[in-house]
Amino acid sequence: MGGGKGGKWGGMGGWGDWGGWGGKGGWEDMSWMMMKGGWGGKDKGGWGKGMGGWGNKGGWGGGGGYGGPAPAVFHVTVGADNVLAAVGFPTTAPAVVWVKEAEVFSSASNIVTELCEDCEIDHDPDWEQYADVAQALMAAGGPEDCIGVAKSASTGKWGVGVASGKQGRERAAKVALAMAIAGGTELMAGLSRNYPEFAAMCSGAEASASMAYQAPAAGNGYGGGPQPSYEANDVPLVHWVTVEQSTQLPARGFPPTAYAVCHGGKQHNKFFQNAGSILSDIMGETVKDISYLDDPDWETFPEVASAIKAAGGEDNCLMVATYEAAGVWAVGMAGGKKPRENAAKMALAMAMLPASGRADELMATYPELGLLCGAAGLEGGGGEPSAKKQKLS
């Protein structure tokens, strides 16, 4: 039954070196709980038809289902030089995106405790330890977000949790580790009875195991997960800031004015989950020429921090994004480095939007962009962006 490190846990198909769910002794042998409409037959409700699926969304999720909206699940693959692979862990693992309304995360600790006693979680919100895992997640169609890696040496398995908040990240990582350990094994029978919401999520991931990844659908960076609802009264703050002409950015040929966007925490995550995709959509291959200069303590750009406060903004850590070819710069503000970067990307996307000639299309595709542009005094919906206001907050 082999199948990677971990003795009896490593075989049976599942995740790991066998790649994906199923395989010998895998989920197809557990079909008693998955066929004919899921729990209670097709006329009994349950999670059969409402599971959504991968479709063309890149990851699995969406569609309501058992226990609230289904979290998106991605299969990530890293190279042999990965720090985990180097010590015997498989190169493939599930990554689960945290969704507040999903019931499965309430049971995360209980589920993983039934499978191992040595779950260890490495939080890596700024991609300093597992940058290759974050890149593999994005390559699989997943969101550009903070990650946490849950690993179990006794089972030789690992999984990835994706969320901006630490608690959500931890719960998602535990669920991912549980999927890695139990997927395609006889362990699923007991787990399915005790945690039907976990079984529902896993069945959707298993059904898509043989499908190739595709880029996430526009406007939904969570690869088929639930589409967020955007409230106009909860739009992140946008400031139009002006630095002195004698300061460093104008001295390098940039204009003295720019957008500064504030990431206000968890409630604003949905506005920034597609920031990288939006900017790439606008700029294409030239997106690689953007420079990001992180300045959490205002040591590099004290004049920008002062300009933000003069525009009505609050003290906050900042990151400056510059694109020299177009002579454009923008600012992202947030307590964490990754949220700062996403806010900077969104601010730069707003700055580049008028020249794209696709303002209507892009704001329709990405509703969060339209709302931010509205907060900045840029016309959304049916028109080209209007002249920028001198003060927006």
Protein backbone atom coordinates (compact mmCIF):
# COMPACT_ATOMS: atom_id res chain seq x y z
CA MET A 1 0.00 0.00 0.00
CA GLY A 2 3.14 2.19 0.24
CA GLY A 3 2.54 5.77 -0.80
CA GLY A 4 5.07 8.03 0.81
CA LYS A 5 6.22 8.57 4.36
CA GLY A 6 4.13 7.60 7.32
CA GLY A 7 3.60 3.83 7.28
CA LYS A 8 -0.04 2.88 7.36
CA TRP A 9 -1.07 6.51 6.89
CA GLY A 10 0.93 7.08 3.74
CA GLY A 11 -0.66 4.49 1.46
CA MET A 12 -4.23 4.00 0.38
CA GLY A 13 -4.09 6.58 -2.38
CA GLY A 14 -4.96 9.87 -0.73
CA TRP A 15 -2.61 12.83 -0.96
CA GLY A 16 1.13 12.67 -1.11
CA ASP A 17 3.34 11.13 -3.72
CA TRP A 18 0.40 9.42 -5.41
CA GLY A 19 -0.96 12.83 -6.35
CA GLY A 20 -4.56 13.62 -5.55
CA TRP A 21 -7.46 11.69 -4.16
CA GLY A 22 -8.48 8.23 -5.14
CA GLY A 23 -5.98 5.82 -6.61
CA LYS A 24 -5.66 2.37 -5.15
CA GLY A 25 -8.06 1.92 -2.29
CA GLY A 26 -9.12 5.54 -2.57
CA TRP A 27 -12.39 7.39 -2.42
CA GLU A 28 -14.12 5.22 -4.96
CA ASP A 29 -14.09 2.45 -2.34
CA MET A 30 -16.03 4.76 -0.03
CA SER A 31 -18.80 5.35 -2.53
CA TRP A 32 -21.53 4.21 -0.15
CA MET A 33 -21.63 7.75 1.23
CA MET A 34 -21.05 9.72 -1.92
CA MET A 35 -23.20 8.33 -4.65
CA LYS A 36 -26.76 9.15 -5.55
CA GLY A 37 -27.02 12.63 -4.14
CA GLY A 38 -24.93 12.29 -0.98
CA TRP A 39 -26.49 11.94 2.42
CA GLY A 40 -30.01 10.52 2.51
CA GLY A 41 -30.37 9.99 -1.26
CA LYS A 42 -31.05 12.59 -3.90
CA ASP A 43 -34.47 13.51 -2.53
CA LYS A 44 -33.21 14.15 1.00
CA GLY A 45 -31.35 17.41 0.49
CA GLY A 46 -27.84 17.05 1.86
CA TRP A 47 -24.81 18.00 -0.12
CA GLY A 48 -25.22 16.01 -3.31
CA LYS A 49 -26.27 18.54 -5.92
CA GLY A 50 -25.39 21.73 -4.09
CA MET A 51 -21.68 21.22 -3.92
CA GLY A 52 -20.68 23.45 -6.80
CA GLY A 53 -17.49 21.85 -8.07
CA TRP A 54 -14.33 22.90 -9.85
CA GLY A 55 -15.84 23.79 -13.21
CA ASN A 56 -13.66 26.51 -14.71
CA LYS A 57 -12.89 28.17 -11.42
CA GLY A 58 -9.48 26.69 -10.64
CA GLY A 59 -10.29 25.26 -7.21
CA TRP A 60 -13.18 23.47 -5.61
CA GLY A 61 -15.86 25.25 -3.64
CA GLY A 62 -19.00 27.31 -3.87
CA GLY A 63 -22.51 26.08 -4.18
CA GLY A 64 -23.81 26.11 -0.63
CA GLY A 65 -23.92 22.44 0.35
CA TYR A 66 -23.73 20.79 3.73
CA GLY A 67 -22.87 23.07 6.63
CA GLY A 68 -22.75 26.41 4.85
CA PRO A 69 -20.74 27.55 1.82
CA ALA A 70 -18.05 25.13 0.68
CA PRO A 71 -14.45 26.33 1.17
CA ALA A 72 -12.23 26.37 -1.89
CA VAL A 73 -9.66 23.57 -1.98
CA PHE A 74 -6.53 23.58 -4.13
CA HIS A 75 -3.90 20.91 -4.79
CA VAL A 76 -0.47 22.53 -4.47
CA THR A 77 2.76 20.99 -5.72
CA VAL A 78 6.20 22.15 -4.68
CA GLY A 79 9.68 21.18 -5.86
CA ALA A 80 12.02 18.66 -4.29
CA ASP A 81 13.99 21.56 -2.79
CA ASN A 82 11.06 22.59 -0.61
CA VAL A 83 11.95 22.55 3.10
CA LEU A 84 9.29 19.94 3.83
CA ALA A 85 10.10 17.73 0.86
CA ALA A 86 13.75 17.85 1.86
CA VAL A 87 12.94 16.02 5.11
CA GLY A 88 10.69 13.39 3.57
CA PHE A 89 7.26 15.00 3.26
CA PRO A 90 5.44 14.63 -0.08
CA THR A 91 5.63 17.39 -2.67
CA THR A 92 1.83 17.61 -3.02
CA ALA A 93 -0.66 18.79 -0.40
CA PRO A 94 -4.16 20.25 -0.13
CA ALA A 95 -4.65 23.95 0.52
CA VAL A 96 -7.94 25.12 2.05
CA VAL A 97 -9.21 28.71 1.98
CA TRP A 98 -10.95 29.77 5.17
CA VAL A 99 -14.57 30.89 4.84
CA LYS A 100 -16.23 32.33 7.93
CA GLU A 101 -19.62 30.70 7.31
CA ALA A 102 -18.31 27.16 6.66
CA GLU A 103 -19.20 24.76 9.49
CA VAL A 104 -16.23 22.51 8.89
CA PHE A 105 -13.82 24.98 10.48
CA SER A 106 -15.65 24.83 13.80
CA SER A 107 -14.65 21.16 13.98
CA ALA A 108 -11.09 21.61 12.71
CA SER A 109 -9.29 20.86 15.97
CA ASN A 110 -11.45 17.84 16.76
CA ILE A 111 -11.04 16.38 13.28
CA VAL A 112 -7.27 16.64 13.17
CA THR A 113 -6.92 15.37 16.76
CA GLU A 114 -8.63 12.14 15.73
CA LEU A 115 -5.95 11.63 13.11
CA CYS A 116 -2.69 12.67 14.76
CA GLU A 117 -1.31 14.01 18.03
CA ASP A 118 1.53 16.05 16.61
CA CYS A 119 -0.11 18.70 14.45
CA GLU A 120 2.32 21.60 14.21
CA ILE A 121 1.45 24.85 12.44
CA ASP A 122 3.91 27.30 10.95
CA HIS A 123 2.24 30.65 10.32
CA ASP A 124 3.81 32.43 7.37
CA PRO A 125 1.68 35.54 6.67
CA ASP A 126 4.47 37.30 4.77
CA TRP A 127 5.73 34.26 2.81
CA GLU A 128 9.13 34.35 4.51
CA GLN A 129 9.37 30.61 5.27
CA TYR A 130 7.21 29.01 2.57
CA ALA A 131 7.36 31.40 -0.38
CA ASP A 132 7.37 28.44 -2.78
CA VAL A 133 4.16 27.10 -1.22
CA ALA A 134 2.45 30.48 -1.66
CA GLN A 135 3.61 30.62 -5.28
CA ALA A 136 2.41 27.05 -5.87
CA LEU A 137 -0.98 28.00 -4.46
CA MET A 138 -1.26 30.95 -6.84
CA ALA A 139 -0.09 28.78 -9.75
CA ALA A 140 -2.92 26.39 -8.92
CA GLY A 141 -5.42 29.23 -9.17
CA GLY A 142 -5.55 30.07 -5.47
CA PRO A 143 -5.64 33.51 -3.85
CA GLU A 144 -2.68 35.70 -3.01
CA ASP A 145 -3.06 35.67 0.75
CA CYS A 146 -1.40 34.80 4.04
CA ILE A 147 -0.72 31.11 4.58
CA GLY A 148 -0.10 28.66 7.40
CA VAL A 149 1.38 25.20 6.99
CA ALA A 150 0.16 22.37 9.23
CA LYS A 151 2.38 19.30 9.37
CA SER A 152 2.46 15.98 11.16
CA ALA A 153 5.76 14.11 11.34
CA SER A 154 4.11 10.91 12.55
CA THR A 155 1.88 10.67 9.47
CA GLY A 156 4.26 12.34 7.03
CA LYS A 157 1.56 14.69 5.77
CA TRP A 158 1.08 18.43 5.51
CA GLY A 159 -1.57 20.89 4.44
CA VAL A 160 -1.99 24.61 3.87
CA GLY A 161 -4.46 27.04 5.43
CA VAL A 162 -5.19 30.29 3.62
CA ALA A 163 -6.56 33.35 5.43
CA SER A 164 -5.49 36.84 6.43
CA GLY A 165 -6.40 36.26 10.08
CA LYS A 166 -4.34 33.93 12.26
CA GLN A 167 -7.28 31.98 13.70
CA GLY A 168 -8.90 31.39 10.32
CA ARG A 169 -5.54 30.38 8.88
CA GLU A 170 -4.95 27.89 11.69
CA ARG A 171 -8.35 26.27 11.33
CA ALA A 172 -8.03 26.01 7.56
CA ALA A 173 -4.57 24.47 7.92
CA LYS A 174 -5.89 21.83 10.32
CA VAL A 175 -8.67 20.92 7.91
CA ALA A 176 -6.15 20.69 5.07
CA LEU A 177 -3.89 18.43 7.13
CA ALA A 178 -6.86 16.22 7.97
CA MET A 179 -7.65 15.94 4.26
CA ALA A 180 -4.05 14.98 3.54
CA ILE A 181 -4.04 12.27 6.21
CA ALA A 182 -7.49 10.77 5.77
CA GLY A 183 -8.22 11.24 2.09
CA GLY A 184 -8.61 7.94 0.29
CA THR A 185 -8.24 5.81 3.42
CA GLU A 186 -10.56 3.77 5.62
CA LEU A 187 -10.29 6.58 8.18
CA MET A 188 -12.85 8.56 6.21
CA ALA A 189 -15.68 6.22 7.18
CA GLY A 190 -15.63 7.25 10.83
CA LEU A 191 -14.90 10.88 10.07
CA SER A 192 -17.77 11.00 7.60
CA ARG A 193 -20.24 9.83 10.22
CA ASN A 194 -18.99 12.23 12.88
CA TYR A 195 -18.23 15.21 10.65
CA PRO A 196 -20.49 15.15 7.58
CA GLU A 197 -19.45 18.69 6.68
CA PHE A 198 -15.85 17.45 6.35
CA ALA A 199 -16.94 14.54 4.18
CA ALA A 200 -18.91 16.89 1.96
CA MET A 201 -15.90 19.09 1.38
CA CYS A 202 -13.60 16.14 0.71
CA SER A 203 -15.98 14.52 -1.75
CA GLY A 204 -15.95 17.63 -3.89
CA ALA A 205 -12.15 17.70 -3.84
CA GLU A 206 -11.99 13.99 -4.72
CA ALA A 207 -14.35 14.41 -7.64
CA SER A 208 -12.02 16.96 -9.17
CA ALA A 209 -8.74 15.14 -8.53
CA SER A 210 -8.15 14.27 -12.17
CA MET A 211 -9.03 17.73 -13.51
CA ALA A 212 -6.36 20.19 -14.59
CA TYR A 213 -6.21 23.52 -12.85
CA GLN A 214 -7.47 26.57 -14.64
CA ALA A 215 -7.12 30.21 -13.74
CA PRO A 216 -9.77 31.47 -11.35
CA ALA A 217 -12.77 33.12 -12.91
CA ALA A 218 -12.56 36.89 -13.10
CA GLY A 219 -13.85 38.57 -10.01
CA ASN A 220 -13.49 35.49 -7.82
CA GLY A 221 -9.95 34.91 -6.69
CA TYR A 222 -11.01 32.04 -4.48
CA GLY A 223 -11.16 29.54 -7.31
CA GLY A 224 -14.86 28.84 -7.23
CA GLY A 225 -15.43 29.61 -3.55
CA PRO A 226 -18.31 31.79 -2.46
CA GLN A 227 -18.60 35.12 -4.22
CA PRO A 228 -18.30 37.85 -1.61
CA SER A 229 -20.92 40.53 -1.29
CA TYR A 230 -19.60 44.08 -1.38
CA GLU A 231 -21.23 46.80 0.67
CA ALA A 232 -20.82 50.37 -0.51
CA ASN A 233 -20.80 51.61 3.08
CA ASP A 234 -17.86 49.36 4.01
CA VAL A 235 -15.41 50.38 1.28
CA PRO A 236 -11.79 50.81 2.43
CA LEU A 237 -10.58 54.39 2.80
CA VAL A 238 -8.92 55.92 -0.25
CA HIS A 239 -6.82 59.09 0.02
CA TRP A 240 -5.44 61.35 -2.70
CA VAL A 241 -2.08 62.36 -1.28
CA THR A 242 0.35 65.06 -2.31
CA VAL A 243 4.04 65.22 -1.38
CA GLU A 244 6.32 68.22 -1.74
CA GLN A 245 7.85 68.66 -5.18
CA SER A 246 11.31 68.66 -3.59
CA THR A 247 10.95 65.17 -2.08
CA GLN A 248 12.42 61.95 -3.43
CA LEU A 249 9.62 60.60 -5.63
CA PRO A 250 9.12 63.82 -7.64
CA ALA A 251 12.92 64.11 -7.81
CA ARG A 252 12.93 60.75 -9.62
CA GLY A 253 10.40 61.99 -12.16
CA PHE A 254 7.19 60.79 -10.50
CA PRO A 255 4.25 63.15 -9.98
CA PRO A 256 3.74 64.56 -6.48
CA THR A 257 0.27 63.01 -6.22
CA ALA A 258 -0.91 59.41 -5.80
CA TYR A 259 -3.62 57.17 -4.43
CA ALA A 260 -3.22 55.66 -0.96
CA VAL A 261 -5.53 52.77 -0.04
CA CYS A 262 -6.00 51.53 3.51
CA HIS A 263 -6.59 47.85 4.25
CA GLY A 264 -8.71 48.02 7.38
CA GLY A 265 -8.43 44.41 8.52
CA LYS A 266 -10.51 41.25 8.18
CA GLN A 267 -13.67 43.05 7.13
CA HIS A 268 -11.82 44.37 4.08
CA ASN A 269 -10.18 41.11 2.94
CA LYS A 270 -12.77 40.63 0.19
CA PHE A 271 -11.81 43.96 -1.38
CA PHE A 272 -8.19 42.86 -1.82
CA GLN A 273 -8.34 39.12 -2.53
CA ASN A 274 -8.06 39.77 -6.28
CA ALA A 275 -5.56 42.65 -6.10
CA GLY A 276 -2.80 40.78 -7.90
CA SER A 277 -5.15 39.51 -10.60
CA ILE A 278 -6.64 42.95 -11.17
CA LEU A 279 -3.24 44.58 -11.54
CA SER A 280 -2.04 41.82 -13.89
CA ASP A 281 -5.23 42.17 -15.93
CA ILE A 282 -4.54 45.87 -16.39
CA MET A 283 -0.78 45.72 -16.94
CA GLY A 284 -0.13 42.32 -18.49
CA GLU A 285 3.51 41.22 -18.55
CA THR A 286 4.73 44.65 -17.45
CA VAL A 287 3.44 43.90 -13.97
CA LYS A 288 6.84 42.35 -13.29
CA ASP A 289 8.42 45.80 -13.58
CA ILE A 290 6.64 47.16 -10.51
CA SER A 291 8.80 47.85 -7.46
CA TYR A 292 7.40 47.48 -3.93
CA LEU A 293 9.17 49.36 -1.16
CA ASP A 294 7.96 48.40 2.30
CA ASP A 295 8.22 51.14 4.92
CA PRO A 296 6.36 50.05 8.07
CA ASP A 297 8.25 52.53 10.28
CA TRP A 298 8.24 55.51 7.88
CA GLU A 299 12.03 55.45 7.64
CA THR A 300 12.18 55.57 3.83
CA PHE A 301 9.14 57.70 2.99
CA PRO A 302 8.37 59.95 5.98
CA GLU A 303 7.05 62.56 3.56
CA VAL A 304 4.46 60.09 2.25
CA ALA A 305 3.30 59.32 5.79
CA SER A 306 2.97 63.05 6.43
CA ALA A 307 1.01 63.49 3.19
CA ILE A 308 -1.40 60.73 4.19
CA LYS A 309 -2.06 62.41 7.52
CA ALA A 310 -2.51 65.77 5.77
CA ALA A 311 -5.13 64.12 3.53
CA GLY A 312 -7.07 62.93 6.58
CA GLY A 313 -5.54 59.46 6.94
CA GLU A 314 -4.48 57.81 10.17
CA ASP A 315 -1.02 56.68 11.23
CA ASN A 316 -0.34 53.28 9.68
CA CYS A 317 2.45 51.18 8.22
CA LEU A 318 2.87 51.78 4.52
CA MET A 319 4.26 50.31 1.30
CA VAL A 320 4.99 52.31 -1.84
CA ALA A 321 4.56 50.74 -5.27
CA THR A 322 6.26 52.41 -8.24
CA TYR A 323 6.06 51.80 -11.99
CA GLU A 324 8.72 53.91 -13.64
CA ALA A 325 7.72 53.27 -17.26
CA ALA A 326 4.43 55.09 -16.71
CA GLY A 327 5.69 57.44 -14.02
CA VAL A 328 3.09 56.23 -11.53
CA TRP A 329 3.28 55.45 -7.83
CA ALA A 330 0.76 54.40 -5.19
CA VAL A 331 0.57 53.54 -1.51
CA GLY A 332 -0.86 50.64 0.47
CA MET A 333 -1.49 50.92 4.21
CA ALA A 334 -2.02 48.08 6.69
CA GLY A 335 -0.56 46.56 9.84
CA GLY A 336 0.64 43.39 8.08
CA LYS A 337 3.08 43.20 5.19
CA LYS A 338 0.92 41.08 2.87
CA PRO A 339 -2.23 43.22 3.37
CA ARG A 340 -0.03 46.29 2.77
CA GLU A 341 1.20 44.82 -0.49
CA ASN A 342 -2.31 43.96 -1.66
CA ALA A 343 -3.50 47.47 -0.80
CA ALA A 344 -0.57 48.94 -2.75
CA LYS A 345 -1.45 46.76 -5.74
CA MET A 346 -5.04 47.93 -5.65
CA ALA A 347 -3.98 51.58 -5.36
CA LEU A 348 -1.65 51.17 -8.34
CA ALA A 349 -4.41 49.44 -10.32
CA MET A 350 -6.62 52.48 -9.70
CA ALA A 351 -3.84 54.76 -10.92
CA MET A 352 -3.32 52.69 -14.09
CA LEU A 353 -7.01 52.22 -14.83
CA PRO A 354 -7.66 55.44 -16.86
CA ALA A 355 -4.91 54.60 -19.35
CA SER A 356 -6.10 51.02 -19.83
CA GLY A 357 -9.06 52.00 -22.01
CA ARG A 358 -10.99 49.20 -20.29
CA ALA A 359 -12.34 50.99 -17.26
CA ASP A 360 -15.97 49.93 -17.75
CA GLU A 361 -15.05 46.31 -18.40
CA LEU A 362 -12.66 46.01 -15.49
CA MET A 363 -14.94 47.67 -12.96
CA ALA A 364 -17.79 45.41 -14.07
CA THR A 365 -15.59 42.32 -13.83
CA TYR A 366 -14.17 43.28 -10.45
CA PRO A 367 -16.93 44.99 -8.43
CA GLU A 368 -14.52 45.76 -5.61
CA LEU A 369 -12.44 47.87 -8.01
CA GLY A 370 -15.53 49.80 -9.01
CA LEU A 371 -16.39 50.56 -5.40
CA LEU A 372 -12.88 51.72 -4.61
CA CYS A 373 -12.87 53.92 -7.68
CA GLY A 374 -16.17 55.38 -6.54
CA ALA A 375 -14.63 56.16 -3.15
CA ALA A 376 -11.77 57.87 -5.00
CA GLY A 377 -14.03 60.04 -7.12
CA LEU A 378 -13.53 57.98 -10.26
CA GLU A 379 -16.70 57.35 -12.23
CA GLY A 380 -17.68 53.69 -12.39
CA GLY A 381 -20.32 51.88 -14.35
CA GLY A 382 -20.66 53.44 -17.78
CA GLY A 383 -17.91 55.99 -18.10
CA GLU A 384 -14.23 56.68 -18.23
CA PRO A 385 -12.59 57.77 -14.98
CA SER A 386 -13.10 61.45 -14.24
CA ALA A 387 -10.51 63.91 -12.99
CA LYS A 388 -9.12 63.02 -9.61
CA LYS A 389 -10.25 65.00 -6.62
CA GLN A 390 -7.69 66.76 -4.49
CA LYS A 391 -8.97 65.27 -1.26
CA LEU A 392 -11.03 62.15 -0.97
CA SER A 393 -11.57 61.57 2.71
